[in-house]
Amino acid sequence: MKRFEWPILGLLILLIILGIISIYTASSNRIGDHFLFADFYLKQLIWSIISILVLILIFRTPYAIIDIMIFPIYILAILLLILVLFLPEIKGSHRWLSFGFVHFQPSELAKIFTILAISKLISKQYISDSQILLRTLLVTLIPFTLVLLEPDLGTALTLLVIAFSILIVSDLPKFYLLLMLSPILSTIFSFSIWIFILYIISATLILYRSNLDKMVIGFTVVINTFLFFITPIFWNSLKEYQQNRILTFINPMRDPFGAGYQIIQSKIAIGSGGLLGKGFLQGTQKNMNFIPEHHTDFIFSVIGEEFGFFGCAFILIIYFLFIYQISKSIRKIKRKEHRFVSVGILAYITFQIFVNIGMNLGIVPTTGIPLPFISYGGSNLLINVASISIILKYLNERSIFA
């Protein structure tokens, strides 16, 4: 235990406690001088205890057992993702498996085992660049497609972030990452000819300096130029309502009584909190139910309303210390597979924090991504804590696998 990263565990437990407190106040509803409480905070407390027990179990489980379980559970997660598509909708999507009072999202299981499967496959010796790319894309695109069909855009994007982050720290030459991103960038930049010209010149120079074959560079330039010309044509071919759907997703404020309603109410709640907030249990936007899903996706707005700027700043500081401590510690991991897993976990948790808080502030489209360790959700909390326990296990046993 001399190598155990106590600061990471301490910050993790602090975040879980802050989450229970936040869910407690988000679960309240004031009627006159009386408060009514939903039982979300009690359920989260139970899930928190279960999650800590799972953390201890994973930490004490021999690595060989975890290694054997990676691909069977990955396949199980895929089968469960297929199963939920045939189950009745819950809140307009096929995301949950119900076991009595317990609801579980297979997509949460798919996240961590996609990370483990990719890291296992691309960390083998004498593997070519094309094999790294193909294995990563294959392992990622199967759960990505199934999650997108639920539909759950937030988790689908998280899977892409996971794959890309692992590729960044892998042995894959970095110009491949530029090749992968170039179609997306060309589509975005196609609405400004000068920005596109600057982008294509910069990309060509980077690829040329990477000693890439001139045929590949030429093919890349042709494909990106084709996308530059075809994107405006495709956009203009869409019907007005289709264009409005896309624009409303990018900017929900275009539809203040529809897609933008949640964000507007969230911004009002956070802004009305001022420096010190309205006080514990005293949030008016929350108590009058103006903020939908205020115990899950929009719990940060409740924190902002009741605890103000300083409450939000405190949460952000804890998150920063947590992410910084993990990123600093995983540099000590020598084994490639374990380092890839740790980076993938850190990337998806950081991405979810950024997107959720950005969503509450109105600077990121609404995607339904919960705030890690804070938002209500048993399966999300369980998988997040289990993911951190894997990092703690790797850090504690790094001398064994060096």
Protein backbone atom coordinates (compact mmCIF):
# COMPACT_ATOMS: atom_id res chain seq x y z
CA MET A 1 0.00 0.00 0.00
CA LYS A 2 3.01 2.31 -0.02
CA ARG A 3 2.35 2.98 -3.71
CA PHE A 4 -1.39 3.56 -3.29
CA GLU A 5 -2.59 6.91 -4.66
CA TRP A 6 -4.51 8.15 -1.63
CA PRO A 7 -5.11 11.67 -3.05
CA ILE A 8 -7.04 10.19 -6.00
CA LEU A 9 -9.19 8.05 -3.71
CA GLY A 10 -9.78 10.97 -1.33
CA LEU A 11 -10.91 13.28 -4.17
CA LEU A 12 -13.11 10.51 -5.58
CA ILE A 13 -14.89 10.01 -2.25
CA LEU A 14 -15.28 13.78 -1.87
CA LEU A 15 -16.92 14.01 -5.30
CA ILE A 16 -19.31 11.17 -4.42
CA ILE A 17 -20.26 12.90 -1.14
CA LEU A 18 -20.80 16.21 -2.96
CA GLY A 19 -22.97 14.32 -5.44
CA ILE A 20 -25.19 12.86 -2.70
CA ILE A 21 -25.60 16.32 -1.13
CA SER A 22 -26.42 17.85 -4.53
CA ILE A 23 -28.94 15.12 -5.32
CA TYR A 24 -30.50 15.57 -1.87
CA THR A 25 -31.22 19.24 -2.49
CA ALA A 26 -32.18 18.57 -6.12
CA SER A 27 -34.69 15.98 -4.87
CA SER A 28 -36.48 18.52 -2.67
CA ASN A 29 -39.63 20.41 -3.54
CA ARG A 30 -40.71 23.29 -1.33
CA ILE A 31 -44.45 23.80 -0.74
CA GLY A 32 -44.97 26.76 1.57
CA ASP A 33 -42.87 26.15 4.67
CA HIS A 34 -42.66 22.41 4.06
CA PHE A 35 -40.29 20.33 1.93
CA LEU A 36 -41.09 17.14 0.09
CA PHE A 37 -38.20 14.85 -0.85
CA ALA A 38 -37.94 12.24 -3.55
CA ASP A 39 -35.83 9.19 -2.71
CA PHE A 40 -33.16 9.78 -5.38
CA TYR A 41 -30.52 10.65 -2.79
CA LEU A 42 -31.17 7.42 -0.86
CA LYS A 43 -30.79 5.36 -4.04
CA GLN A 44 -27.59 7.24 -4.87
CA LEU A 45 -26.27 6.56 -1.37
CA ILE A 46 -26.91 2.83 -1.84
CA TRP A 47 -25.21 2.89 -5.25
CA SER A 48 -22.29 4.79 -3.72
CA ILE A 49 -21.77 2.06 -1.12
CA ILE A 50 -22.02 -0.62 -3.81
CA SER A 51 -19.55 1.30 -6.00
CA ILE A 52 -16.98 1.56 -3.19
CA LEU A 53 -17.33 -2.18 -2.53
CA VAL A 54 -16.78 -2.83 -6.25
CA LEU A 55 -13.70 -0.57 -6.11
CA ILE A 56 -12.26 -2.69 -3.30
CA LEU A 57 -13.17 -5.90 -5.13
CA ILE A 58 -11.45 -4.80 -8.36
CA PHE A 59 -8.42 -3.58 -6.46
CA ARG A 60 -8.01 -6.97 -4.79
CA THR A 61 -8.79 -9.08 -7.88
CA PRO A 62 -5.70 -10.55 -9.59
CA TYR A 63 -4.97 -8.89 -12.90
CA ALA A 64 -5.01 -12.25 -14.72
CA ILE A 65 -8.72 -12.64 -13.91
CA ILE A 66 -9.53 -9.15 -15.20
CA ASP A 67 -7.53 -9.89 -18.34
CA ILE A 68 -9.53 -13.08 -19.04
CA MET A 69 -12.84 -11.24 -18.59
CA ILE A 70 -12.18 -8.38 -21.06
CA PHE A 71 -13.47 -9.89 -24.31
CA PRO A 72 -16.31 -12.03 -22.87
CA ILE A 73 -17.78 -8.99 -21.09
CA TYR A 74 -17.18 -6.79 -24.17
CA ILE A 75 -19.23 -9.30 -26.21
CA LEU A 76 -21.85 -9.40 -23.43
CA ALA A 77 -22.10 -5.58 -23.54
CA ILE A 78 -22.66 -5.73 -27.32
CA LEU A 79 -25.40 -8.33 -26.90
CA LEU A 80 -27.08 -6.22 -24.21
CA LEU A 81 -26.91 -3.16 -26.49
CA ILE A 82 -28.71 -5.18 -29.15
CA LEU A 83 -31.26 -6.44 -26.61
CA VAL A 84 -32.28 -2.98 -25.38
CA LEU A 85 -33.21 -1.97 -28.93
CA PHE A 86 -36.08 -4.49 -28.79
CA LEU A 87 -37.31 -3.46 -25.34
CA PRO A 88 -40.01 -0.83 -24.69
CA GLU A 89 -38.93 2.81 -24.79
CA ILE A 90 -38.20 4.69 -21.59
CA LYS A 91 -38.29 8.49 -21.94
CA GLY A 92 -38.21 8.20 -25.73
CA SER A 93 -35.17 5.92 -26.09
CA HIS A 94 -34.04 2.30 -25.70
CA ARG A 95 -31.25 2.68 -23.15
CA TRP A 96 -32.22 0.81 -20.01
CA LEU A 97 -32.53 -2.77 -18.85
CA SER A 98 -35.00 -2.98 -15.97
CA PHE A 99 -34.62 -5.46 -13.12
CA GLY A 100 -37.48 -4.56 -10.81
CA PHE A 101 -36.55 -1.27 -9.18
CA VAL A 102 -33.07 -1.29 -10.71
CA HIS A 103 -32.38 0.23 -14.14
CA PHE A 104 -29.07 -0.41 -15.86
CA GLN A 105 -27.61 1.11 -19.04
CA PRO A 106 -25.53 -1.39 -21.07
CA SER A 107 -23.86 1.57 -22.78
CA GLU A 108 -22.07 2.33 -19.49
CA LEU A 109 -20.64 -1.19 -19.46
CA ALA A 110 -19.69 -0.83 -23.13
CA LYS A 111 -17.59 2.28 -22.43
CA ILE A 112 -15.14 0.70 -20.02
CA PHE A 113 -14.85 -2.61 -21.86
CA THR A 114 -14.35 -0.84 -25.19
CA ILE A 115 -11.38 0.89 -23.56
CA LEU A 116 -10.03 -2.40 -22.19
CA ALA A 117 -10.53 -4.24 -25.51
CA ILE A 118 -8.85 -1.54 -27.65
CA SER A 119 -5.92 -1.25 -25.26
CA LYS A 120 -5.47 -5.02 -25.21
CA LEU A 121 -5.50 -5.37 -28.98
CA ILE A 122 -3.23 -2.47 -29.97
CA SER A 123 -0.60 -2.94 -27.26
CA LYS A 124 0.69 -6.20 -28.71
CA GLN A 125 4.22 -6.30 -30.08
CA TYR A 126 5.06 -6.10 -33.80
CA ILE A 127 1.72 -4.61 -34.76
CA SER A 128 1.50 -2.46 -37.89
CA ASP A 129 -0.07 1.00 -38.19
CA SER A 130 -2.94 -0.35 -40.28
CA GLN A 131 -3.65 -3.03 -37.67
CA ILE A 132 -3.78 -0.40 -34.91
CA LEU A 133 -6.28 1.64 -36.93
CA LEU A 134 -8.46 -1.29 -38.03
CA ARG A 135 -8.64 -2.89 -34.59
CA THR A 136 -9.50 0.41 -32.91
CA LEU A 137 -12.17 1.29 -35.46
CA LEU A 138 -13.74 -2.18 -35.40
CA VAL A 139 -13.94 -2.39 -31.60
CA THR A 140 -15.33 1.17 -31.39
CA LEU A 141 -17.77 1.28 -34.32
CA ILE A 142 -19.85 -1.72 -33.17
CA PRO A 143 -20.94 -0.21 -29.81
CA PHE A 144 -20.95 3.29 -31.37
CA THR A 145 -23.53 2.25 -33.97
CA LEU A 146 -25.72 0.41 -31.47
CA VAL A 147 -25.65 3.29 -28.97
CA LEU A 148 -26.49 5.75 -31.75
CA LEU A 149 -29.56 3.66 -32.60
CA GLU A 150 -30.92 3.90 -29.02
CA PRO A 151 -30.56 6.95 -29.60
CA ASP A 152 -27.87 8.24 -27.22
CA LEU A 153 -25.69 10.77 -29.02
CA GLY A 154 -23.77 11.75 -25.87
CA THR A 155 -22.48 8.24 -25.15
CA ALA A 156 -21.80 7.65 -28.86
CA LEU A 157 -19.59 10.75 -28.95
CA THR A 158 -17.91 9.58 -25.75
CA LEU A 159 -16.93 6.32 -27.47
CA LEU A 160 -15.31 8.29 -30.30
CA VAL A 161 -13.41 10.42 -27.79
CA ILE A 162 -12.20 7.24 -26.08
CA ALA A 163 -10.89 5.76 -29.34
CA PHE A 164 -9.21 8.98 -30.45
CA SER A 165 -7.53 9.59 -27.07
CA ILE A 166 -6.07 6.08 -27.01
CA LEU A 167 -4.77 6.49 -30.57
CA ILE A 168 -3.07 9.76 -29.56
CA VAL A 169 -0.90 7.98 -26.96
CA SER A 170 -0.44 4.81 -29.05
CA ASP A 171 2.46 4.09 -31.39
CA LEU A 172 0.41 5.30 -34.37
CA PRO A 173 2.12 8.17 -36.26
CA LYS A 174 0.29 11.40 -35.54
CA PHE A 175 -0.37 12.27 -39.19
CA TYR A 176 -2.89 9.40 -39.25
CA LEU A 177 -4.94 11.31 -36.68
CA LEU A 178 -4.93 14.34 -38.97
CA LEU A 179 -6.09 12.12 -41.84
CA MET A 180 -8.94 10.84 -39.69
CA LEU A 181 -10.02 14.33 -38.64
CA SER A 182 -9.57 15.98 -42.03
CA PRO A 183 -13.02 15.09 -43.50
CA ILE A 184 -14.76 16.50 -40.42
CA LEU A 185 -12.65 19.68 -40.48
CA SER A 186 -13.21 20.12 -44.22
CA THR A 187 -16.96 19.88 -43.74
CA ILE A 188 -16.88 22.48 -40.95
CA PHE A 189 -14.57 24.87 -42.82
CA SER A 190 -16.46 24.53 -46.11
CA PHE A 191 -18.65 27.50 -45.26
CA SER A 192 -15.67 29.90 -45.46
CA ILE A 193 -13.36 29.69 -48.46
CA TRP A 194 -10.49 31.59 -46.79
CA ILE A 195 -10.52 29.45 -43.65
CA PHE A 196 -10.62 26.32 -45.82
CA ILE A 197 -7.67 27.48 -47.94
CA LEU A 198 -5.62 28.19 -44.80
CA TYR A 199 -6.60 24.80 -43.37
CA ILE A 200 -5.75 22.80 -46.52
CA ILE A 201 -2.36 24.52 -46.89
CA SER A 202 -1.50 23.85 -43.23
CA ALA A 203 -2.65 20.22 -43.44
CA THR A 204 -0.64 19.63 -46.63
CA LEU A 205 2.53 21.04 -45.06
CA ILE A 206 2.09 18.87 -41.95
CA LEU A 207 1.58 15.74 -44.05
CA TYR A 208 4.52 16.60 -46.30
CA ARG A 209 6.84 17.08 -43.32
CA SER A 210 5.69 13.70 -42.00
CA ASN A 211 7.36 12.11 -45.05
CA LEU A 212 4.04 10.67 -46.17
CA ASP A 213 3.82 9.30 -49.68
CA LYS A 214 2.96 12.05 -52.20
CA MET A 215 0.15 9.92 -53.64
CA VAL A 216 -1.50 9.74 -50.21
CA ILE A 217 -1.07 13.51 -49.71
CA GLY A 218 -2.59 14.19 -53.13
CA PHE A 219 -5.50 11.84 -52.47
CA THR A 220 -6.17 13.53 -49.10
CA VAL A 221 -6.18 17.01 -50.70
CA VAL A 222 -8.57 15.84 -53.45
CA ILE A 223 -11.00 14.23 -50.96
CA ASN A 224 -11.02 17.31 -48.71
CA THR A 225 -11.48 19.65 -51.66
CA PHE A 226 -14.37 17.50 -52.87
CA LEU A 227 -15.99 17.80 -49.42
CA PHE A 228 -15.48 21.58 -49.56
CA PHE A 229 -17.56 21.79 -52.75
CA ILE A 230 -20.14 19.12 -51.93
CA THR A 231 -21.06 20.28 -48.39
CA PRO A 232 -22.84 23.54 -49.45
CA ILE A 233 -24.68 21.61 -52.16
CA PHE A 234 -25.79 18.99 -49.65
CA TRP A 235 -26.84 21.70 -47.17
CA ASN A 236 -28.92 23.55 -49.76
CA SER A 237 -30.57 20.30 -50.82
CA LEU A 238 -31.98 19.80 -47.32
CA LYS A 239 -35.51 20.97 -46.62
CA GLU A 240 -35.96 23.95 -44.34
CA TYR A 241 -37.19 21.89 -41.38
CA GLN A 242 -34.16 19.57 -41.71
CA GLN A 243 -31.80 22.56 -41.68
CA ASN A 244 -33.61 23.96 -38.65
CA ARG A 245 -33.18 20.67 -36.76
CA ILE A 246 -29.44 20.74 -37.32
CA LEU A 247 -29.15 24.44 -36.47
CA THR A 248 -31.27 23.98 -33.34
CA PHE A 249 -29.03 21.13 -32.16
CA ILE A 250 -25.96 23.35 -32.63
CA ASN A 251 -27.70 26.37 -31.10
CA PRO A 252 -30.71 25.35 -28.95
CA MET A 253 -31.44 29.02 -28.26
CA ARG A 254 -33.10 29.16 -31.71
CA ASP A 255 -35.98 27.21 -30.16
CA PRO A 256 -36.51 28.74 -26.68
CA PHE A 257 -39.75 26.84 -25.97
CA GLY A 258 -38.48 23.51 -27.30
CA ALA A 259 -34.88 22.32 -27.52
CA GLY A 260 -33.55 25.46 -25.85
CA TYR A 261 -35.95 25.48 -22.89
CA GLN A 262 -33.76 23.42 -20.55
CA ILE A 263 -30.64 25.45 -21.32
CA ILE A 264 -32.44 28.77 -20.84
CA GLN A 265 -33.83 27.69 -17.45
CA SER A 266 -30.42 26.33 -16.45
CA LYS A 267 -28.71 29.64 -17.30
CA ILE A 268 -31.38 31.56 -15.38
CA ALA A 269 -30.84 29.32 -12.33
CA ILE A 270 -27.05 29.64 -12.40
CA GLY A 271 -27.19 33.39 -13.00
CA SER A 272 -29.72 33.98 -10.22
CA GLY A 273 -27.40 32.28 -7.71
CA GLY A 274 -24.97 35.21 -7.75
CA LEU A 275 -21.80 34.88 -5.71
CA LEU A 276 -23.08 32.95 -2.68
CA GLY A 277 -26.30 31.38 -3.97
CA LYS A 278 -29.83 31.39 -2.57
CA GLY A 279 -29.02 28.86 0.12
CA PHE A 280 -29.34 25.14 0.71
CA LEU A 281 -32.77 23.85 -0.49
CA GLN A 282 -33.81 27.40 -1.45
CA GLY A 283 -33.47 27.28 -5.25
CA THR A 284 -36.64 28.75 -6.77
CA GLN A 285 -36.07 27.50 -10.34
CA LYS A 286 -35.63 24.00 -8.93
CA ASN A 287 -38.49 24.17 -6.41
CA MET A 288 -40.92 25.35 -9.09
CA ASN A 289 -39.71 22.62 -11.47
CA PHE A 290 -38.63 25.04 -14.17
CA ILE A 291 -35.46 22.96 -14.67
CA PRO A 292 -36.26 19.52 -16.15
CA GLU A 293 -34.04 16.61 -15.06
CA HIS A 294 -32.46 18.80 -12.37
CA HIS A 295 -31.23 15.77 -10.41
CA THR A 296 -29.44 14.26 -13.44
CA ASP A 297 -28.24 16.17 -16.50
CA PHE A 298 -28.85 19.67 -15.09
CA ILE A 299 -27.71 19.18 -11.51
CA PHE A 300 -24.92 21.73 -12.01
CA SER A 301 -27.60 24.42 -12.42
CA VAL A 302 -28.99 23.48 -8.98
CA ILE A 303 -25.49 23.84 -7.50
CA GLY A 304 -25.13 27.23 -9.18
CA GLU A 305 -28.51 28.47 -7.98
CA GLU A 306 -28.21 27.34 -4.35
CA PHE A 307 -24.44 27.71 -3.76
CA GLY A 308 -23.63 30.45 -6.25
CA PHE A 309 -20.37 31.20 -8.03
CA PHE A 310 -18.26 29.97 -5.11
CA GLY A 311 -20.13 26.65 -5.01
CA CYS A 312 -19.57 26.12 -8.74
CA ALA A 313 -15.93 27.18 -8.41
CA PHE A 314 -15.42 24.71 -5.57
CA ILE A 315 -16.78 21.83 -7.68
CA LEU A 316 -14.56 22.86 -10.62
CA ILE A 317 -11.47 23.04 -8.38
CA ILE A 318 -12.14 19.53 -7.03
CA TYR A 319 -12.56 18.24 -10.59
CA PHE A 320 -9.35 19.98 -11.68
CA LEU A 321 -7.36 18.47 -8.78
CA PHE A 322 -8.86 15.05 -9.49
CA ILE A 323 -8.00 15.13 -13.21
CA TYR A 324 -4.58 16.66 -12.58
CA GLN A 325 -3.69 14.05 -9.96
CA ILE A 326 -4.68 11.19 -12.27
CA SER A 327 -2.90 12.65 -15.33
CA LYS A 328 0.25 13.20 -13.28
CA SER A 329 0.15 9.71 -11.80
CA ILE A 330 -0.49 7.70 -14.97
CA ARG A 331 2.80 8.93 -16.41
CA LYS A 332 4.42 6.48 -13.99
CA ILE A 333 2.73 3.52 -15.69
CA LYS A 334 5.25 1.76 -17.94
CA ARG A 335 3.17 -1.02 -19.48
CA LYS A 336 1.56 0.23 -22.69
CA GLU A 337 -1.76 -1.57 -22.27
CA HIS A 338 -2.30 -0.16 -18.78
CA ARG A 339 -1.28 3.32 -19.90
CA PHE A 340 -3.74 3.18 -22.82
CA VAL A 341 -6.57 2.09 -20.50
CA SER A 342 -5.80 4.87 -18.02
CA VAL A 343 -5.71 7.53 -20.74
CA GLY A 344 -9.00 6.30 -22.22
CA ILE A 345 -10.71 6.42 -18.81
CA LEU A 346 -9.34 9.87 -18.01
CA ALA A 347 -10.36 11.15 -21.46
CA TYR A 348 -13.98 10.03 -21.24
CA ILE A 349 -14.46 11.33 -17.69
CA THR A 350 -12.90 14.69 -18.62
CA PHE A 351 -15.04 14.86 -21.77
CA GLN A 352 -18.23 14.20 -19.79
CA ILE A 353 -17.36 16.88 -17.22
CA PHE A 354 -16.68 19.43 -19.97
CA VAL A 355 -19.83 18.62 -21.98
CA ASN A 356 -22.20 18.51 -18.99
CA ILE A 357 -21.03 21.79 -17.47
CA GLY A 358 -20.90 23.40 -20.92
CA MET A 359 -24.45 22.19 -21.52
CA ASN A 360 -25.63 23.77 -18.26
CA LEU A 361 -23.94 27.04 -19.22
CA GLY A 362 -25.46 27.01 -22.71
CA ILE A 363 -22.16 26.77 -24.62
CA VAL A 364 -22.56 23.09 -25.65
CA PRO A 365 -25.62 21.44 -27.26
CA THR A 366 -27.80 19.27 -25.01
CA THR A 367 -26.60 15.67 -25.35
CA GLY A 368 -27.83 13.98 -22.16
CA ILE A 369 -24.40 13.36 -20.66
CA PRO A 370 -24.49 13.25 -16.81
CA LEU A 371 -21.97 15.00 -14.56
CA PRO A 372 -19.56 12.25 -13.38
CA PHE A 373 -19.89 11.28 -9.69
CA ILE A 374 -22.39 14.12 -9.11
CA SER A 375 -25.48 13.42 -11.23
CA TYR A 376 -28.02 10.84 -10.13
CA GLY A 377 -27.57 7.49 -11.84
CA GLY A 378 -26.53 4.17 -10.37
CA SER A 379 -25.03 2.48 -13.43
CA ASN A 380 -23.11 5.62 -14.40
CA LEU A 381 -21.68 6.02 -10.90
CA LEU A 382 -20.81 2.32 -10.65
CA ILE A 383 -18.92 2.23 -13.96
CA ASN A 384 -17.13 5.53 -13.27
CA VAL A 385 -15.94 4.35 -9.85
CA ALA A 386 -14.96 0.96 -11.29
CA SER A 387 -12.96 2.76 -13.99
CA ILE A 388 -11.05 4.79 -11.41
CA SER A 389 -10.43 1.63 -9.39
CA ILE A 390 -8.74 0.09 -12.46
CA ILE A 391 -6.41 3.10 -12.70
CA LEU A 392 -5.66 2.85 -8.96
CA LYS A 393 -4.91 -0.87 -9.42
CA TYR A 394 -2.50 -0.19 -12.30
CA LEU A 395 -0.77 2.56 -10.35
CA ASN A 396 -0.40 0.36 -7.28
CA GLU A 397 1.00 -2.57 -9.29
CA ARG A 398 3.13 -0.61 -11.76
CA SER A 399 6.36 -2.11 -10.40
CA ILE A 400 5.05 -5.61 -11.20
CA PHE A 401 4.28 -4.74 -14.82
CA ALA A 402 7.20 -2.39 -15.50
